[in-house]
N, C-alpha and C. Protein backbone atom coordinates (compact mmCIF):
# COMPACT_ATOMS: atom_id res chain seq x y z
N UNK A 1 -9.65 2.40 -31.11
CA UNK A 1 -10.02 1.81 -29.84
C UNK A 1 -9.41 2.65 -28.72
N UNK A 2 -10.25 3.06 -27.77
CA UNK A 2 -9.81 3.89 -26.67
C UNK A 2 -9.45 2.98 -25.47
N UNK A 3 -8.21 3.05 -25.04
CA UNK A 3 -7.72 2.20 -23.97
C UNK A 3 -7.60 2.99 -22.67
N UNK A 4 -8.15 2.43 -21.60
CA UNK A 4 -8.07 3.01 -20.27
C UNK A 4 -7.16 2.11 -19.45
N UNK A 5 -6.34 2.76 -18.62
CA UNK A 5 -5.35 2.02 -17.80
C UNK A 5 -5.54 2.43 -16.35
N UNK A 6 -5.54 1.46 -15.46
CA UNK A 6 -5.57 1.75 -14.03
C UNK A 6 -4.70 0.73 -13.32
N UNK A 7 -4.36 1.05 -12.07
CA UNK A 7 -3.48 0.19 -11.28
C UNK A 7 -4.03 0.06 -9.87
N UNK A 8 -3.69 -1.07 -9.24
CA UNK A 8 -4.07 -1.25 -7.85
C UNK A 8 -3.75 -2.63 -7.33
N UNK A 9 -3.95 -2.78 -6.02
CA UNK A 9 -3.74 -4.06 -5.36
C UNK A 9 -5.00 -4.93 -5.45
N UNK A 10 -6.17 -4.32 -5.34
CA UNK A 10 -7.44 -5.02 -5.45
C UNK A 10 -7.52 -6.21 -4.50
N UNK A 11 -7.13 -6.00 -3.27
CA UNK A 11 -7.18 -7.04 -2.24
C UNK A 11 -8.56 -6.96 -1.57
N UNK A 12 -9.09 -8.09 -1.16
CA UNK A 12 -10.42 -8.15 -0.55
C UNK A 12 -11.42 -7.39 -1.38
N UNK A 13 -11.57 -7.79 -2.63
CA UNK A 13 -12.41 -7.09 -3.58
C UNK A 13 -13.76 -6.70 -2.98
N UNK A 14 -14.14 -5.44 -3.15
CA UNK A 14 -15.38 -4.92 -2.58
C UNK A 14 -16.08 -4.00 -3.58
N UNK A 15 -17.23 -3.49 -3.20
CA UNK A 15 -18.05 -2.66 -4.09
C UNK A 15 -17.29 -1.42 -4.57
N UNK A 16 -16.43 -0.88 -3.76
CA UNK A 16 -15.64 0.28 -4.19
C UNK A 16 -14.74 -0.05 -5.36
N UNK A 17 -14.13 -1.23 -5.31
CA UNK A 17 -13.32 -1.69 -6.45
C UNK A 17 -14.17 -1.86 -7.70
N UNK A 18 -15.29 -2.50 -7.56
CA UNK A 18 -16.18 -2.76 -8.70
C UNK A 18 -16.64 -1.44 -9.32
N UNK A 19 -17.01 -0.47 -8.47
CA UNK A 19 -17.46 0.83 -9.01
C UNK A 19 -16.34 1.56 -9.71
N UNK A 20 -15.13 1.49 -9.19
CA UNK A 20 -13.99 2.12 -9.85
C UNK A 20 -13.77 1.49 -11.24
N UNK A 21 -13.76 0.18 -11.27
CA UNK A 21 -13.54 -0.52 -12.52
C UNK A 21 -14.65 -0.24 -13.54
N UNK A 22 -15.89 -0.17 -13.08
CA UNK A 22 -17.01 0.13 -13.97
C UNK A 22 -16.91 1.57 -14.51
N UNK A 23 -16.58 2.53 -13.66
CA UNK A 23 -16.43 3.92 -14.11
C UNK A 23 -15.28 4.05 -15.10
N UNK A 24 -14.17 3.39 -14.80
CA UNK A 24 -13.02 3.46 -15.69
C UNK A 24 -13.36 2.84 -17.06
N UNK A 25 -13.97 1.68 -17.07
CA UNK A 25 -14.31 1.01 -18.33
C UNK A 25 -15.27 1.84 -19.16
N UNK A 26 -16.17 2.58 -18.50
CA UNK A 26 -17.15 3.39 -19.21
C UNK A 26 -16.49 4.50 -20.01
N UNK A 27 -15.23 4.80 -19.74
CA UNK A 27 -14.52 5.88 -20.40
C UNK A 27 -13.91 5.42 -21.75
N UNK A 28 -13.91 4.10 -22.01
CA UNK A 28 -13.26 3.64 -23.23
C UNK A 28 -13.77 2.30 -23.70
N UNK A 29 -13.01 1.73 -24.65
CA UNK A 29 -13.38 0.45 -25.25
C UNK A 29 -12.80 -0.75 -24.51
N UNK A 30 -11.66 -0.52 -23.86
CA UNK A 30 -11.05 -1.61 -23.11
C UNK A 30 -10.37 -1.03 -21.86
N UNK A 31 -10.34 -1.87 -20.82
CA UNK A 31 -9.74 -1.50 -19.55
C UNK A 31 -8.61 -2.45 -19.23
N UNK A 32 -7.42 -1.89 -19.08
CA UNK A 32 -6.25 -2.67 -18.68
C UNK A 32 -5.99 -2.34 -17.22
N UNK A 33 -5.89 -3.39 -16.43
CA UNK A 33 -5.60 -3.22 -14.99
C UNK A 33 -4.20 -3.70 -14.70
N UNK A 34 -3.39 -2.83 -14.15
CA UNK A 34 -2.08 -3.20 -13.64
C UNK A 34 -2.26 -3.65 -12.19
N UNK A 35 -2.11 -4.94 -11.95
CA UNK A 35 -2.33 -5.53 -10.65
C UNK A 35 -1.00 -5.62 -9.90
N UNK A 36 -0.91 -4.95 -8.77
CA UNK A 36 0.34 -4.94 -7.99
C UNK A 36 0.73 -6.33 -7.58
N UNK A 37 1.98 -6.68 -7.87
CA UNK A 37 2.49 -7.99 -7.48
C UNK A 37 2.76 -8.01 -5.96
N UNK A 38 2.94 -9.17 -5.40
CA UNK A 38 3.25 -9.27 -3.99
C UNK A 38 4.57 -8.58 -3.65
N UNK A 39 5.56 -8.75 -4.51
CA UNK A 39 6.88 -8.11 -4.27
C UNK A 39 6.77 -6.58 -4.33
N UNK A 40 5.99 -6.08 -5.28
CA UNK A 40 5.83 -4.62 -5.38
C UNK A 40 5.06 -4.10 -4.16
N UNK A 41 4.06 -4.83 -3.72
CA UNK A 41 3.33 -4.42 -2.51
C UNK A 41 4.27 -4.33 -1.32
N UNK A 42 5.16 -5.28 -1.19
CA UNK A 42 6.13 -5.23 -0.08
C UNK A 42 7.00 -3.98 -0.16
N UNK A 43 7.43 -3.62 -1.37
CA UNK A 43 8.19 -2.38 -1.55
C UNK A 43 7.40 -1.15 -1.15
N UNK A 44 6.06 -1.21 -1.32
CA UNK A 44 5.17 -0.10 -0.95
C UNK A 44 4.80 -0.17 0.54
N UNK A 45 5.26 -1.21 1.23
CA UNK A 45 4.91 -1.35 2.66
C UNK A 45 3.53 -1.94 2.88
N UNK A 46 3.01 -2.65 1.89
CA UNK A 46 1.68 -3.24 1.97
C UNK A 46 1.80 -4.77 2.01
N UNK A 47 0.88 -5.38 2.73
CA UNK A 47 0.79 -6.84 2.78
C UNK A 47 -0.64 -7.21 2.43
N UNK A 48 -0.82 -7.90 1.34
CA UNK A 48 -2.15 -8.29 0.89
C UNK A 48 -2.62 -9.52 1.66
N UNK A 49 -3.93 -9.62 1.82
CA UNK A 49 -4.52 -10.81 2.40
C UNK A 49 -4.41 -11.95 1.39
N UNK A 50 -4.79 -11.65 0.11
CA UNK A 50 -4.72 -12.62 -0.96
C UNK A 50 -3.43 -12.45 -1.73
N UNK A 51 -2.91 -13.56 -2.22
CA UNK A 51 -1.69 -13.52 -3.07
C UNK A 51 -2.03 -12.92 -4.41
N UNK A 52 -0.99 -12.56 -5.13
CA UNK A 52 -1.17 -12.04 -6.51
C UNK A 52 -2.00 -12.99 -7.36
N UNK A 53 -1.69 -14.28 -7.29
CA UNK A 53 -2.41 -15.28 -8.11
C UNK A 53 -3.89 -15.30 -7.78
N UNK A 54 -4.25 -15.21 -6.51
CA UNK A 54 -5.66 -15.22 -6.10
C UNK A 54 -6.35 -13.93 -6.55
N UNK A 55 -5.66 -12.78 -6.35
CA UNK A 55 -6.24 -11.49 -6.77
C UNK A 55 -6.42 -11.45 -8.28
N UNK A 56 -5.49 -12.04 -9.00
CA UNK A 56 -5.60 -12.13 -10.47
C UNK A 56 -6.84 -12.95 -10.86
N UNK A 57 -7.01 -14.07 -10.22
CA UNK A 57 -8.16 -14.93 -10.51
C UNK A 57 -9.48 -14.19 -10.24
N UNK A 58 -9.54 -13.46 -9.15
CA UNK A 58 -10.75 -12.69 -8.81
C UNK A 58 -11.00 -11.60 -9.84
N UNK A 59 -9.95 -10.84 -10.19
CA UNK A 59 -10.12 -9.75 -11.16
C UNK A 59 -10.54 -10.26 -12.52
N UNK A 60 -10.07 -11.43 -12.91
CA UNK A 60 -10.45 -12.01 -14.20
C UNK A 60 -11.95 -12.21 -14.30
N UNK A 61 -12.62 -12.36 -13.19
CA UNK A 61 -14.07 -12.59 -13.18
C UNK A 61 -14.89 -11.31 -13.32
N UNK A 62 -14.22 -10.15 -13.30
CA UNK A 62 -14.92 -8.88 -13.39
C UNK A 62 -15.09 -8.49 -14.86
N UNK A 63 -16.30 -8.34 -15.27
CA UNK A 63 -16.62 -8.14 -16.69
C UNK A 63 -16.08 -6.83 -17.27
N UNK A 64 -15.78 -5.87 -16.41
CA UNK A 64 -15.29 -4.58 -16.91
C UNK A 64 -13.83 -4.62 -17.31
N UNK A 65 -13.11 -5.63 -16.84
CA UNK A 65 -11.67 -5.74 -17.07
C UNK A 65 -11.41 -6.52 -18.36
N UNK A 66 -10.60 -5.91 -19.23
CA UNK A 66 -10.27 -6.55 -20.51
C UNK A 66 -8.94 -7.32 -20.41
N UNK A 67 -7.94 -6.67 -19.86
CA UNK A 67 -6.61 -7.27 -19.73
C UNK A 67 -6.05 -6.95 -18.35
N UNK A 68 -5.33 -7.90 -17.78
CA UNK A 68 -4.66 -7.68 -16.49
C UNK A 68 -3.17 -7.92 -16.72
N UNK A 69 -2.38 -6.95 -16.24
CA UNK A 69 -0.93 -7.06 -16.35
C UNK A 69 -0.33 -6.92 -14.96
N UNK A 70 0.79 -7.56 -14.68
CA UNK A 70 1.42 -7.39 -13.36
C UNK A 70 2.04 -5.99 -13.24
N UNK A 71 1.84 -5.36 -12.09
CA UNK A 71 2.48 -4.09 -11.79
C UNK A 71 3.68 -4.39 -10.89
N UNK A 72 4.87 -4.12 -11.39
CA UNK A 72 6.11 -4.44 -10.68
C UNK A 72 6.87 -3.24 -10.13
N UNK A 73 6.56 -2.06 -10.65
CA UNK A 73 7.30 -0.85 -10.22
C UNK A 73 6.50 0.41 -10.54
N UNK A 74 6.88 1.49 -9.86
CA UNK A 74 6.25 2.79 -10.14
C UNK A 74 6.54 3.24 -11.57
N UNK A 75 7.75 2.96 -12.01
CA UNK A 75 8.21 3.46 -13.32
C UNK A 75 7.51 2.82 -14.50
N UNK A 76 6.89 1.69 -14.33
CA UNK A 76 6.32 0.99 -15.49
C UNK A 76 5.09 1.68 -16.06
N UNK A 77 4.48 2.59 -15.33
CA UNK A 77 3.28 3.26 -15.85
C UNK A 77 3.57 3.94 -17.20
N UNK A 78 4.66 4.65 -17.27
CA UNK A 78 5.05 5.34 -18.50
C UNK A 78 5.20 4.33 -19.66
N UNK A 79 5.91 3.24 -19.38
CA UNK A 79 6.10 2.20 -20.41
C UNK A 79 4.76 1.58 -20.83
N UNK A 80 3.90 1.32 -19.85
CA UNK A 80 2.61 0.69 -20.17
C UNK A 80 1.71 1.62 -20.99
N UNK A 81 1.72 2.91 -20.68
CA UNK A 81 0.93 3.85 -21.45
C UNK A 81 1.35 3.80 -22.91
N UNK A 82 2.64 3.78 -23.14
CA UNK A 82 3.17 3.70 -24.52
C UNK A 82 2.89 2.35 -25.14
N UNK A 83 3.18 1.29 -24.42
CA UNK A 83 3.01 -0.08 -24.96
C UNK A 83 1.57 -0.37 -25.38
N UNK A 84 0.61 0.07 -24.57
CA UNK A 84 -0.78 -0.26 -24.83
C UNK A 84 -1.54 0.90 -25.48
N UNK A 85 -0.83 1.97 -25.84
CA UNK A 85 -1.45 3.16 -26.43
C UNK A 85 -2.63 3.65 -25.61
N UNK A 86 -2.42 3.75 -24.32
CA UNK A 86 -3.51 4.17 -23.42
C UNK A 86 -3.86 5.64 -23.65
N UNK A 87 -5.16 5.89 -23.67
CA UNK A 87 -5.66 7.25 -23.86
C UNK A 87 -5.85 7.92 -22.49
N UNK A 88 -6.14 7.11 -21.46
CA UNK A 88 -6.46 7.64 -20.15
C UNK A 88 -5.86 6.74 -19.06
N UNK A 89 -5.25 7.40 -18.07
CA UNK A 89 -4.83 6.71 -16.84
C UNK A 89 -5.80 7.14 -15.76
N UNK A 90 -6.42 6.15 -15.10
CA UNK A 90 -7.40 6.41 -14.03
C UNK A 90 -6.82 5.93 -12.73
N UNK A 91 -6.85 6.78 -11.74
CA UNK A 91 -6.50 6.44 -10.37
C UNK A 91 -7.50 7.08 -9.42
N UNK A 92 -7.49 6.71 -8.17
CA UNK A 92 -8.42 7.31 -7.19
C UNK A 92 -7.82 8.63 -6.67
N UNK A 93 -8.69 9.45 -6.12
CA UNK A 93 -8.28 10.81 -5.68
C UNK A 93 -7.22 10.80 -4.59
N UNK A 94 -7.05 9.73 -3.88
CA UNK A 94 -5.97 9.70 -2.87
C UNK A 94 -4.58 9.73 -3.52
N UNK A 95 -4.54 9.53 -4.83
CA UNK A 95 -3.29 9.63 -5.60
C UNK A 95 -3.19 10.96 -6.36
N UNK A 96 -4.14 11.86 -6.11
CA UNK A 96 -4.20 13.14 -6.86
C UNK A 96 -2.84 13.81 -6.92
N UNK A 97 -2.43 14.15 -8.15
CA UNK A 97 -1.19 14.84 -8.36
C UNK A 97 0.04 13.96 -8.53
N UNK A 98 -0.04 12.73 -8.06
CA UNK A 98 1.14 11.84 -8.08
C UNK A 98 1.51 11.39 -9.49
N UNK A 99 0.56 11.41 -10.41
CA UNK A 99 0.82 10.93 -11.76
C UNK A 99 0.61 12.01 -12.80
N UNK A 100 0.58 13.27 -12.37
CA UNK A 100 0.40 14.38 -13.29
C UNK A 100 1.53 14.47 -14.31
N UNK A 101 2.72 13.98 -13.96
CA UNK A 101 3.85 14.00 -14.90
C UNK A 101 3.59 13.15 -16.14
N UNK A 102 2.55 12.31 -16.08
CA UNK A 102 2.24 11.47 -17.25
C UNK A 102 1.24 12.12 -18.21
N UNK A 103 0.83 13.33 -17.89
CA UNK A 103 -0.17 14.04 -18.71
C UNK A 103 0.31 14.32 -20.12
N UNK A 104 1.61 14.32 -20.32
CA UNK A 104 2.13 14.53 -21.69
C UNK A 104 1.93 13.28 -22.54
N UNK A 105 1.65 12.15 -21.91
CA UNK A 105 1.46 10.88 -22.64
C UNK A 105 -0.01 10.52 -22.83
N UNK A 106 -0.85 10.88 -21.85
CA UNK A 106 -2.27 10.55 -21.92
C UNK A 106 -3.00 11.44 -20.92
N UNK A 107 -4.31 11.36 -20.97
CA UNK A 107 -5.15 12.07 -20.01
C UNK A 107 -5.05 11.34 -18.67
N UNK A 108 -4.96 12.07 -17.57
CA UNK A 108 -4.89 11.48 -16.21
C UNK A 108 -6.12 11.94 -15.47
N UNK A 109 -6.90 10.97 -15.00
CA UNK A 109 -8.13 11.27 -14.28
C UNK A 109 -8.09 10.62 -12.89
N UNK A 110 -8.43 11.40 -11.88
CA UNK A 110 -8.49 10.91 -10.51
C UNK A 110 -9.99 10.84 -10.11
N UNK A 111 -10.45 9.63 -9.87
CA UNK A 111 -11.85 9.42 -9.48
C UNK A 111 -11.99 9.30 -7.97
N UNK A 112 -13.09 9.82 -7.43
CA UNK A 112 -13.30 9.67 -5.98
C UNK A 112 -13.56 8.22 -5.60
N UNK A 113 -13.11 7.88 -4.41
CA UNK A 113 -13.37 6.54 -3.88
C UNK A 113 -14.84 6.45 -3.44
N UNK A 114 -15.33 5.23 -3.31
CA UNK A 114 -16.67 5.01 -2.77
C UNK A 114 -16.61 5.25 -1.27
N UNK A 115 -17.45 6.16 -0.79
CA UNK A 115 -17.45 6.49 0.63
C UNK A 115 -17.86 5.31 1.50
N UNK A 116 -17.20 5.17 2.64
CA UNK A 116 -17.59 4.18 3.62
C UNK A 116 -17.05 2.77 3.39
N UNK A 117 -16.21 2.62 2.36
CA UNK A 117 -15.68 1.27 2.10
C UNK A 117 -14.22 1.36 1.65
N UNK A 118 -13.41 0.48 2.18
CA UNK A 118 -12.03 0.36 1.73
C UNK A 118 -11.49 -0.96 2.26
N UNK A 119 -10.45 -1.44 1.64
CA UNK A 119 -9.80 -2.67 2.15
C UNK A 119 -9.32 -2.49 3.55
N UNK A 120 -8.77 -1.34 3.84
CA UNK A 120 -8.27 -1.04 5.19
C UNK A 120 -9.41 -1.13 6.22
N UNK A 121 -10.57 -0.56 5.88
CA UNK A 121 -11.73 -0.63 6.79
C UNK A 121 -12.18 -2.07 7.00
N UNK A 122 -12.19 -2.84 5.94
CA UNK A 122 -12.62 -4.26 6.04
C UNK A 122 -11.64 -5.02 6.93
N UNK A 123 -10.36 -4.83 6.73
CA UNK A 123 -9.35 -5.50 7.55
C UNK A 123 -9.50 -5.11 9.02
N UNK A 124 -9.72 -3.82 9.27
CA UNK A 124 -9.91 -3.33 10.65
C UNK A 124 -11.14 -3.95 11.30
N UNK A 125 -12.22 -4.05 10.51
CA UNK A 125 -13.46 -4.64 11.04
C UNK A 125 -13.24 -6.10 11.41
N UNK A 126 -12.51 -6.82 10.56
CA UNK A 126 -12.24 -8.24 10.89
C UNK A 126 -11.43 -8.34 12.17
N UNK A 127 -10.43 -7.51 12.31
CA UNK A 127 -9.59 -7.54 13.53
C UNK A 127 -10.41 -7.18 14.76
N UNK A 128 -11.24 -6.14 14.66
CA UNK A 128 -12.07 -5.73 15.77
C UNK A 128 -13.03 -6.82 16.21
N UNK A 129 -13.69 -7.44 15.22
CA UNK A 129 -14.66 -8.50 15.52
C UNK A 129 -13.99 -9.75 16.04
N UNK A 130 -12.75 -10.01 15.62
CA UNK A 130 -12.04 -11.21 16.09
C UNK A 130 -11.69 -11.09 17.55
N UNK A 131 -11.54 -9.87 18.06
CA UNK A 131 -11.12 -9.65 19.44
C UNK A 131 -12.31 -9.54 20.40
N UNK A 132 -13.52 -9.46 19.91
CA UNK A 132 -14.68 -9.35 20.77
C UNK A 132 -15.02 -10.70 21.39
N UNK A 133 -15.32 -10.70 22.69
CA UNK A 133 -15.73 -11.98 23.31
C UNK A 133 -17.11 -12.39 22.84
N UNK A 134 -17.37 -13.68 22.86
CA UNK A 134 -18.68 -14.18 22.37
C UNK A 134 -19.76 -13.87 23.36
């Protein structure tokens, strides 16, 4: 069984997330998603719109995802690769090079993001529209 591993916050789930998960799953038999916890996001300087529990519930509904595990630290990737016998670690190209040190444990692939969509863009659009007069 070929196991694919990816990580993310997956806040305000959008088509870019779905496409990433679909492409990652197509590489193997099962897809394990490390979902960033609220505490870990704070350490990264991120604040999610949805709590970890809500993001977990949403991700569980995505058919490409086999298993979801909490992501609590940067260091856990190495442990997770070993624990789940992952063949491939998939991340988006904005992380290019950041996880190359894990290539001795598994294949590391950086996939391009879907153009024109991101959680940051969605949040910005909400803020912009909220400030416009009626």
